[in-house]
PDB file of all heavy atoms in Angstrom:
ATOM      1  N   LEU A   1       0.406  -0.069  -2.987  1.00  0.00           N
ATOM      2  CA  LEU A   1       1.254   0.873  -2.312  1.00  0.00           C
ATOM      3  C   LEU A   1       0.576   2.194  -2.008  1.00  0.00           C
ATOM      4  O   LEU A   1       1.260   3.130  -1.514  1.00  0.00           O
ATOM      5  CB  LEU A   1       2.469   1.122  -3.219  1.00  0.00           C
ATOM      6  CG  LEU A   1       3.444   0.017  -3.330  1.00  0.00           C
ATOM      7  CD1 LEU A   1       4.447   0.275  -4.441  1.00  0.00           C
ATOM      8  CD2 LEU A   1       4.186  -0.197  -2.011  1.00  0.00           C
ATOM      9  N   ASP A   2      -0.739   2.349  -2.233  1.00  0.00           N
ATOM     10  CA  ASP A   2      -1.464   3.540  -2.064  1.00  0.00           C
ATOM     11  C   ASP A   2      -0.944   4.629  -2.882  1.00  0.00           C
ATOM     12  O   ASP A   2      -1.030   5.834  -2.527  1.00  0.00           O
ATOM     13  CB  ASP A   2      -1.499   3.976  -0.593  1.00  0.00           C
ATOM     14  CG  ASP A   2      -2.586   4.980  -0.268  1.00  0.00           C
ATOM     15  OD1 ASP A   2      -3.687   4.797  -0.735  1.00  0.00           O
ATOM     16  OD2 ASP A   2      -2.303   5.991   0.395  1.00  0.00           O
ATOM     17  N   LEU A   3      -0.425   4.357  -3.979  1.00  0.00           N
ATOM     18  CA  LEU A   3      -0.025   5.390  -4.985  1.00  0.00           C
ATOM     19  C   LEU A   3      -1.240   5.872  -5.757  1.00  0.00           C
ATOM     20  O   LEU A   3      -1.285   7.031  -6.218  1.00  0.00           O
ATOM     21  CB  LEU A   3       1.021   4.823  -6.009  1.00  0.00           C
ATOM     22  CG  LEU A   3       2.356   4.423  -5.362  1.00  0.00           C
ATOM     23  CD1 LEU A   3       3.237   3.736  -6.346  1.00  0.00           C
ATOM     24  CD2 LEU A   3       3.025   5.608  -4.674  1.00  0.00           C
ATOM     25  N   ILE A   4      -2.244   5.085  -5.879  1.00  0.00           N
ATOM     26  CA  ILE A   4      -3.581   5.527  -6.308  1.00  0.00           C
ATOM     27  C   ILE A   4      -4.646   4.827  -5.348  1.00  0.00           C
ATOM     28  O   ILE A   4      -4.272   3.837  -4.717  1.00  0.00           O
ATOM     29  CB  ILE A   4      -3.854   5.063  -7.734  1.00  0.00           C
ATOM     30  CG1 ILE A   4      -3.671   3.528  -7.977  1.00  0.00           C
ATOM     31  CG2 ILE A   4      -2.996   5.856  -8.680  1.00  0.00           C
ATOM     32  CD1 ILE A   4      -4.077   3.113  -9.358  1.00  0.00           C
ATOM     33  N   ARG A   5      -5.773   5.333  -5.301  1.00  0.00           N
ATOM     34  CA  ARG A   5      -6.799   4.867  -4.386  1.00  0.00           C
ATOM     35  C   ARG A   5      -7.847   4.035  -5.234  1.00  0.00           C
ATOM     36  O   ARG A   5      -8.335   4.549  -6.173  1.00  0.00           O
ATOM     37  CB  ARG A   5      -7.471   6.030  -3.637  1.00  0.00           C
ATOM     38  CG  ARG A   5      -6.640   6.679  -2.601  1.00  0.00           C
ATOM     39  CD  ARG A   5      -6.603   5.789  -1.343  1.00  0.00           C
ATOM     40  NE  ARG A   5      -5.650   6.240  -0.356  1.00  0.00           N
ATOM     41  CZ  ARG A   5      -5.968   7.088   0.696  1.00  0.00           C
ATOM     42  NH1 ARG A   5      -7.198   7.548   0.792  1.00  0.00           N
ATOM     43  NH2 ARG A   5      -5.024   7.424   1.549  1.00  0.00           N
ATOM     44  N   PRO A   6      -8.188   2.882  -4.761  1.00  0.00           N
ATOM     45  CA  PRO A   6      -9.221   2.075  -5.403  1.00  0.00           C
ATOM     46  C   PRO A   6     -10.569   2.738  -5.156  1.00  0.00           C
ATOM     47  O   PRO A   6     -10.775   3.478  -4.237  1.00  0.00           O
ATOM     48  CB  PRO A   6      -9.113   0.731  -4.760  1.00  0.00           C
ATOM     49  CG  PRO A   6      -8.502   0.934  -3.381  1.00  0.00           C
ATOM     50  CD  PRO A   6      -7.550   2.126  -3.657  1.00  0.00           C
ATOM     51  N   ASN A   7     -11.517   2.365  -5.953  1.00  0.00           N
ATOM     52  CA  ASN A   7     -12.918   2.854  -5.846  1.00  0.00           C
ATOM     53  C   ASN A   7     -13.748   1.907  -4.855  1.00  0.00           C
ATOM     54  O   ASN A   7     -14.806   2.299  -4.438  1.00  0.00           O
ATOM     55  CB  ASN A   7     -13.598   2.926  -7.172  1.00  0.00           C
ATOM     56  CG  ASN A   7     -12.903   3.891  -8.137  1.00  0.00           C
ATOM     57  OD1 ASN A   7     -12.483   3.441  -9.218  1.00  0.00           O
ATOM     58  ND2 ASN A   7     -12.854   5.157  -7.826  1.00  0.00           N
ATOM     59  N   GLY A   8     -13.187   0.752  -4.679  1.00  0.00           N
ATOM     60  CA  GLY A   8     -13.909  -0.250  -3.833  1.00  0.00           C
ATOM     61  C   GLY A   8     -13.041  -1.395  -3.516  1.00  0.00           C
ATOM     62  O   GLY A   8     -11.994  -1.662  -4.080  1.00  0.00           O
ATOM     63  N   GLY A   9     -13.445  -2.201  -2.564  1.00  0.00           N
ATOM     64  CA  GLY A   9     -12.770  -3.420  -2.136  1.00  0.00           C
ATOM     65  C   GLY A   9     -11.720  -3.118  -0.983  1.00  0.00           C
ATOM     66  O   GLY A   9     -11.607  -1.982  -0.531  1.00  0.00           O
ATOM     67  N   THR A  10     -11.009  -4.192  -0.581  1.00  0.00           N
ATOM     68  CA  THR A  10     -10.062  -4.005   0.476  1.00  0.00           C
ATOM     69  C   THR A  10      -8.725  -4.499   0.099  1.00  0.00           C
ATOM     70  O   THR A  10      -8.608  -5.442  -0.776  1.00  0.00           O
ATOM     71  CB  THR A  10     -10.571  -4.752   1.794  1.00  0.00           C
ATOM     72  OG1 THR A  10     -10.649  -6.128   1.466  1.00  0.00           O
ATOM     73  CG2 THR A  10     -11.881  -4.180   2.262  1.00  0.00           C
ATOM     74  N   VAL A  11      -7.721  -3.913   0.716  1.00  0.00           N
ATOM     75  CA  VAL A  11      -6.315  -4.313   0.462  1.00  0.00           C
ATOM     76  C   VAL A  11      -5.573  -4.383   1.741  1.00  0.00           C
ATOM     77  O   VAL A  11      -5.707  -3.557   2.647  1.00  0.00           O
ATOM     78  CB  VAL A  11      -5.572  -3.280  -0.450  1.00  0.00           C
ATOM     79  CG1 VAL A  11      -4.109  -3.747  -0.692  1.00  0.00           C
ATOM     80  CG2 VAL A  11      -6.245  -3.179  -1.817  1.00  0.00           C
ATOM     81  N   ARG A  12      -4.713  -5.487   1.936  1.00  0.00           N
ATOM     82  CA  ARG A  12      -3.824  -5.581   3.035  1.00  0.00           C
ATOM     83  C   ARG A  12      -2.437  -6.029   2.490  1.00  0.00           C
ATOM     84  O   ARG A  12      -2.340  -6.884   1.784  1.00  0.00           O
ATOM     85  CB  ARG A  12      -4.314  -6.634   4.089  1.00  0.00           C
ATOM     86  CG  ARG A  12      -5.648  -6.249   4.718  1.00  0.00           C
ATOM     87  CD  ARG A  12      -5.477  -4.982   5.662  1.00  0.00           C
ATOM     88  NE  ARG A  12      -6.682  -4.678   6.344  1.00  0.00           N
ATOM     89  CZ  ARG A  12      -7.599  -3.854   5.823  1.00  0.00           C
ATOM     90  NH1 ARG A  12      -7.482  -3.344   4.662  1.00  0.00           N
ATOM     91  NH2 ARG A  12      -8.775  -3.601   6.578  1.00  0.00           N
ATOM     92  N   VAL A  13      -1.438  -5.278   2.952  1.00  0.00           N
ATOM     93  CA  VAL A  13      -0.030  -5.587   2.567  1.00  0.00           C
ATOM     94  C   VAL A  13       0.748  -5.664   3.797  1.00  0.00           C
ATOM     95  O   VAL A  13       0.734  -4.747   4.616  1.00  0.00           O
ATOM     96  CB  VAL A  13       0.454  -4.410   1.628  1.00  0.00           C
ATOM     97  CG1 VAL A  13       1.961  -4.760   1.292  1.00  0.00           C
ATOM     98  CG2 VAL A  13      -0.341  -4.294   0.398  1.00  0.00           C
ATOM     99  N   LEU A  14       1.436  -6.848   4.007  1.00  0.00           N
ATOM    100  CA  LEU A  14       2.207  -7.043   5.214  1.00  0.00           C
ATOM    101  C   LEU A  14       1.327  -6.912   6.450  1.00  0.00           C
ATOM    102  O   LEU A  14       1.820  -6.449   7.507  1.00  0.00           O
ATOM    103  CB  LEU A  14       3.428  -6.233   5.261  1.00  0.00           C
ATOM    104  CG  LEU A  14       4.483  -6.484   4.192  1.00  0.00           C
ATOM    105  CD1 LEU A  14       5.408  -5.319   4.023  1.00  0.00           C
ATOM    106  CD2 LEU A  14       5.158  -7.762   4.467  1.00  0.00           C
ATOM    107  N   GLY A  15      -0.014  -7.286   6.370  1.00  0.00           N
ATOM    108  CA  GLY A  15      -0.921  -7.158   7.483  1.00  0.00           C
ATOM    109  C   GLY A  15      -1.412  -5.764   7.699  1.00  0.00           C
ATOM    110  O   GLY A  15      -2.205  -5.481   8.620  1.00  0.00           O
ATOM    111  N   MET A  16      -1.053  -4.807   6.841  1.00  0.00           N
ATOM    112  CA  MET A  16      -1.455  -3.385   7.069  1.00  0.00           C
ATOM    113  C   MET A  16      -2.335  -2.875   5.985  1.00  0.00           C
ATOM    114  O   MET A  16      -2.304  -3.423   4.857  1.00  0.00           O
ATOM    115  CB  MET A  16      -0.152  -2.515   7.116  1.00  0.00           C
ATOM    116  CG  MET A  16       0.832  -2.777   8.260  1.00  0.00           C
ATOM    117  SD  MET A  16       2.260  -1.756   8.219  1.00  0.00           S
ATOM    118  CE  MET A  16       3.228  -2.518   6.839  1.00  0.00           C
ATOM    119  N   ASP A  17      -3.076  -1.937   6.312  1.00  0.00           N
ATOM    120  CA  ASP A  17      -3.965  -1.228   5.326  1.00  0.00           C
ATOM    121  C   ASP A  17      -3.093  -0.073   4.680  1.00  0.00           C
ATOM    122  O   ASP A  17      -2.794   0.852   5.413  1.00  0.00           O
ATOM    123  CB  ASP A  17      -5.164  -0.659   5.925  1.00  0.00           C
ATOM    124  CG  ASP A  17      -6.159  -0.030   4.970  1.00  0.00           C
ATOM    125  OD1 ASP A  17      -5.694   0.325   3.808  1.00  0.00           O
ATOM    126  OD2 ASP A  17      -7.266   0.290   5.346  1.00  0.00           O
ATOM    127  N   PRO A  18      -2.643  -0.170   3.386  1.00  0.00           N
ATOM    128  CA  PRO A  18      -1.881   0.857   2.846  1.00  0.00           C
ATOM    129  C   PRO A  18      -2.523   2.206   2.787  1.00  0.00           C
ATOM    130  O   PRO A  18      -1.762   3.242   2.710  1.00  0.00           O
ATOM    131  CB  PRO A  18      -1.574   0.290   1.440  1.00  0.00           C
ATOM    132  CG  PRO A  18      -2.560  -0.727   1.164  1.00  0.00           C
ATOM    133  CD  PRO A  18      -3.045  -1.259   2.481  1.00  0.00           C
ATOM    134  N   GLN A  19      -3.813   2.308   2.822  1.00  0.00           N
ATOM    135  CA  GLN A  19      -4.473   3.642   2.813  1.00  0.00           C
ATOM    136  C   GLN A  19      -4.349   4.280   4.162  1.00  0.00           C
ATOM    137  O   GLN A  19      -4.302   5.523   4.222  1.00  0.00           O
ATOM    138  CB  GLN A  19      -5.967   3.463   2.409  1.00  0.00           C
ATOM    139  CG  GLN A  19      -6.100   2.968   0.997  1.00  0.00           C
ATOM    140  CD  GLN A  19      -7.611   2.911   0.588  1.00  0.00           C
ATOM    141  OE1 GLN A  19      -8.441   3.755   1.087  1.00  0.00           O
ATOM    142  NE2 GLN A  19      -8.021   1.998  -0.242  1.00  0.00           N
ATOM    143  N   LYS A  20      -4.196   3.534   5.236  1.00  0.00           N
ATOM    144  CA  LYS A  20      -4.109   4.062   6.555  1.00  0.00           C
ATOM    145  C   LYS A  20      -2.674   4.371   7.012  1.00  0.00           C
ATOM    146  O   LYS A  20      -2.365   5.264   7.729  1.00  0.00           O
ATOM    147  CB  LYS A  20      -4.768   3.158   7.608  1.00  0.00           C
ATOM    148  CG  LYS A  20      -6.265   3.021   7.454  1.00  0.00           C
ATOM    149  CD  LYS A  20      -6.846   2.176   8.554  1.00  0.00           C
ATOM    150  CE  LYS A  20      -8.365   2.086   8.432  1.00  0.00           C
ATOM    151  NZ  LYS A  20      -9.000   1.195   9.481  1.00  0.00           N
ATOM    152  N   ASP A  21      -1.689   3.519   6.478  1.00  0.00           N
ATOM    153  CA  ASP A  21      -0.347   3.642   6.873  1.00  0.00           C
ATOM    154  C   ASP A  21       0.572   3.363   5.667  1.00  0.00           C
ATOM    155  O   ASP A  21       1.314   2.400   5.680  1.00  0.00           O
ATOM    156  CB  ASP A  21      -0.054   2.753   7.982  1.00  0.00           C
ATOM    157  CG  ASP A  21       1.178   3.211   8.795  1.00  0.00           C
ATOM    158  OD1 ASP A  21       1.862   4.088   8.366  1.00  0.00           O
ATOM    159  OD2 ASP A  21       1.469   2.689   9.883  1.00  0.00           O
ATOM    160  N   PRO A  22       0.488   4.200   4.656  1.00  0.00           N
ATOM    161  CA  PRO A  22       1.333   3.938   3.439  1.00  0.00           C
ATOM    162  C   PRO A  22       2.798   4.013   3.696  1.00  0.00           C
ATOM    163  O   PRO A  22       3.561   3.290   3.069  1.00  0.00           O
ATOM    164  CB  PRO A  22       0.885   5.013   2.456  1.00  0.00           C
ATOM    165  CG  PRO A  22       0.304   6.188   3.300  1.00  0.00           C
ATOM    166  CD  PRO A  22      -0.282   5.432   4.512  1.00  0.00           C
ATOM    167  N   VAL A  23       3.316   4.907   4.613  1.00  0.00           N
ATOM    168  CA  VAL A  23       4.694   4.986   4.811  1.00  0.00           C
ATOM    169  C   VAL A  23       5.235   3.752   5.435  1.00  0.00           C
ATOM    170  O   VAL A  23       6.325   3.269   4.985  1.00  0.00           O
ATOM    171  CB  VAL A  23       4.993   6.214   5.763  1.00  0.00           C
ATOM    172  CG1 VAL A  23       6.460   6.192   6.083  1.00  0.00           C
ATOM    173  CG2 VAL A  23       4.581   7.536   5.106  1.00  0.00           C
ATOM    174  N   ALA A  24       4.543   3.121   6.373  1.00  0.00           N
ATOM    175  CA  ALA A  24       5.036   1.888   6.898  1.00  0.00           C
ATOM    176  C   ALA A  24       5.038   0.734   5.938  1.00  0.00           C
ATOM    177  O   ALA A  24       5.967  -0.095   5.945  1.00  0.00           O
ATOM    178  CB  ALA A  24       4.008   1.467   8.101  1.00  0.00           C
ATOM    179  N   VAL A  25       4.087   0.678   4.982  1.00  0.00           N
ATOM    180  CA  VAL A  25       4.106  -0.267   3.918  1.00  0.00           C
ATOM    181  C   VAL A  25       5.327  -0.133   3.048  1.00  0.00           C
ATOM    182  O   VAL A  25       6.049  -1.059   2.716  1.00  0.00           O
ATOM    183  CB  VAL A  25       2.757  -0.267   3.120  1.00  0.00           C
ATOM    184  CG1 VAL A  25       2.947  -1.133   1.867  1.00  0.00           C
ATOM    185  CG2 VAL A  25       1.598  -0.729   3.957  1.00  0.00           C
ATOM    186  N   ARG A  26       5.509   1.138   2.662  1.00  0.00           N
ATOM    187  CA  ARG A  26       6.593   1.399   1.682  1.00  0.00           C
ATOM    188  C   ARG A  26       7.934   1.206   2.276  1.00  0.00           C
ATOM    189  O   ARG A  26       8.969   0.898   1.673  1.00  0.00           O
ATOM    190  CB  ARG A  26       6.457   2.838   1.116  1.00  0.00           C
ATOM    191  CG  ARG A  26       5.218   3.005   0.310  1.00  0.00           C
ATOM    192  CD  ARG A  26       4.949   4.464  -0.100  1.00  0.00           C
ATOM    193  NE  ARG A  26       3.623   4.716  -0.565  1.00  0.00           N
ATOM    194  CZ  ARG A  26       3.103   5.921  -0.729  1.00  0.00           C
ATOM    195  NH1 ARG A  26       3.865   6.966  -0.631  1.00  0.00           N
ATOM    196  NH2 ARG A  26       1.837   5.998  -1.097  1.00  0.00           N
ATOM    197  N   ARG A  27       8.067   1.400   3.670  1.00  0.00           N
ATOM    198  CA  ARG A  27       9.288   1.259   4.381  1.00  0.00           C
ATOM    199  C   ARG A  27       9.777  -0.206   4.234  1.00  0.00           C
ATOM    200  O   ARG A  27      10.975  -0.413   4.200  1.00  0.00           O
ATOM    201  CB  ARG A  27       9.128   1.716   5.746  1.00  0.00           C
ATOM    202  CG  ARG A  27      10.468   1.633   6.583  1.00  0.00           C
ATOM    203  CD  ARG A  27      10.268   1.966   8.043  1.00  0.00           C
ATOM    204  NE  ARG A  27       9.749   3.317   8.199  1.00  0.00           N
ATOM    205  CZ  ARG A  27       8.634   3.721   8.739  1.00  0.00           C
ATOM    206  NH1 ARG A  27       7.840   2.784   9.251  1.00  0.00           N
ATOM    207  NH2 ARG A  27       8.290   4.980   8.834  1.00  0.00           N
ATOM    208  N   ARG A  28       8.929  -1.089   4.152  1.00  0.00           N
ATOM    209  CA  ARG A  28       9.251  -2.509   4.217  1.00  0.00           C
ATOM    210  C   ARG A  28       9.119  -3.125   2.808  1.00  0.00           C
ATOM    211  O   ARG A  28       9.236  -4.438   2.697  1.00  0.00           O
ATOM    212  CB  ARG A  28       8.265  -3.287   5.119  1.00  0.00           C
ATOM    213  CG  ARG A  28       8.376  -2.869   6.640  1.00  0.00           C
ATOM    214  CD  ARG A  28       7.224  -3.224   7.498  1.00  0.00           C
ATOM    215  NE  ARG A  28       7.098  -4.698   7.590  1.00  0.00           N
ATOM    216  CZ  ARG A  28       6.135  -5.270   8.210  1.00  0.00           C
ATOM    217  NH1 ARG A  28       5.164  -4.603   8.836  1.00  0.00           N
ATOM    218  NH2 ARG A  28       6.098  -6.643   8.294  1.00  0.00           N
ATOM    219  N   THR A  29       9.036  -2.322   1.765  1.00  0.00           N
ATOM    220  CA  THR A  29       8.824  -2.811   0.452  1.00  0.00           C
ATOM    221  C   THR A  29       9.929  -2.229  -0.482  1.00  0.00           C
ATOM    222  O   THR A  29      10.401  -1.118  -0.356  1.00  0.00           O
ATOM    223  CB  THR A  29       7.401  -2.327  -0.057  1.00  0.00           C
ATOM    224  OG1 THR A  29       6.452  -2.856   0.771  1.00  0.00           O
ATOM    225  CG2 THR A  29       7.176  -2.862  -1.492  1.00  0.00           C
ATOM    226  N   GLY A  30      10.283  -3.039  -1.441  1.00  0.00           N
ATOM    227  CA  GLY A  30      11.137  -2.624  -2.601  1.00  0.00           C
ATOM    228  C   GLY A  30      10.320  -2.528  -3.787  1.00  0.00           C
ATOM    229  O   GLY A  30       9.641  -3.521  -4.196  1.00  0.00           O
ATOM    230  N   TYR A  31      10.170  -1.392  -4.461  1.00  0.00           N
ATOM    231  CA  TYR A  31       9.254  -1.163  -5.547  1.00  0.00           C
ATOM    232  C   TYR A  31      10.089  -0.784  -6.874  1.00  0.00           C
ATOM    233  O   TYR A  31      10.791   0.203  -6.775  1.00  0.00           O
ATOM    234  CB  TYR A  31       8.258  -0.046  -5.159  1.00  0.00           C
ATOM    235  CG  TYR A  31       7.365   0.422  -6.258  1.00  0.00           C
ATOM    236  CD1 TYR A  31       6.747  -0.449  -7.132  1.00  0.00           C
ATOM    237  CD2 TYR A  31       7.158   1.848  -6.452  1.00  0.00           C
ATOM    238  CE1 TYR A  31       5.835  -0.046  -8.112  1.00  0.00           C
ATOM    239  CE2 TYR A  31       6.330   2.260  -7.523  1.00  0.00           C
ATOM    240  CZ  TYR A  31       5.689   1.329  -8.285  1.00  0.00           C
ATOM    241  OH  TYR A  31       4.902   1.738  -9.282  1.00  0.00           O
ATOM    242  N   LEU A  32       9.760  -1.446  -7.849  1.00  0.00           N
ATOM    243  CA  LEU A  32      10.255  -1.117  -9.178  1.00  0.00           C
ATOM    244  C   LEU A  32       9.096  -0.720 -10.094  1.00  0.00           C
ATOM    245  O   LEU A  32       8.273  -1.585 -10.440  1.00  0.00           O
ATOM    246  CB  LEU A  32      10.994  -2.267  -9.855  1.00  0.00           C
ATOM    247  CG  LEU A  32      11.472  -2.095 -11.294  1.00  0.00           C
ATOM    248  CD1 LEU A  32      12.446  -0.928 -11.415  1.00  0.00           C
ATOM    249  CD2 LEU A  32      12.029  -3.338 -11.913  1.00  0.00           C
ATOM    250  N   PRO A  33       8.867   0.579 -10.315  1.00  0.00           N
ATOM    251  CA  PRO A  33       7.798   1.064 -11.096  1.00  0.00           C
ATOM    252  C   PRO A  33       7.979   0.719 -12.611  1.00  0.00           C
ATOM    253  O   PRO A  33       9.099   0.504 -13.082  1.00  0.00           O
ATOM    254  CB  PRO A  33       7.707   2.530 -10.944  1.00  0.00           C
ATOM    255  CG  PRO A  33       9.096   2.969 -10.512  1.00  0.00           C
ATOM    256  CD  PRO A  33       9.740   1.744  -9.885  1.00  0.00           C
ATOM    257  N   GLY A  34       6.913   0.829 -13.331  1.00  0.00           N
ATOM    258  CA  GLY A  34       7.040   0.597 -14.820  1.00  0.00           C
ATOM    259  C   GLY A  34       7.740   1.757 -15.530  1.00  0.00           C
ATOM    260  O   GLY A  34       8.382   1.580 -16.504  1.00  0.00           O
TER     261      GLY A  34
END
């Protein structure tokens, strides 16, 4: 969800890069934090 940034590697959520468009990822996601 780009709430923290990784030090390396790649992530795709719903076909999107959460670091480039975190708002679009979160708009389509339901999140229950710990």
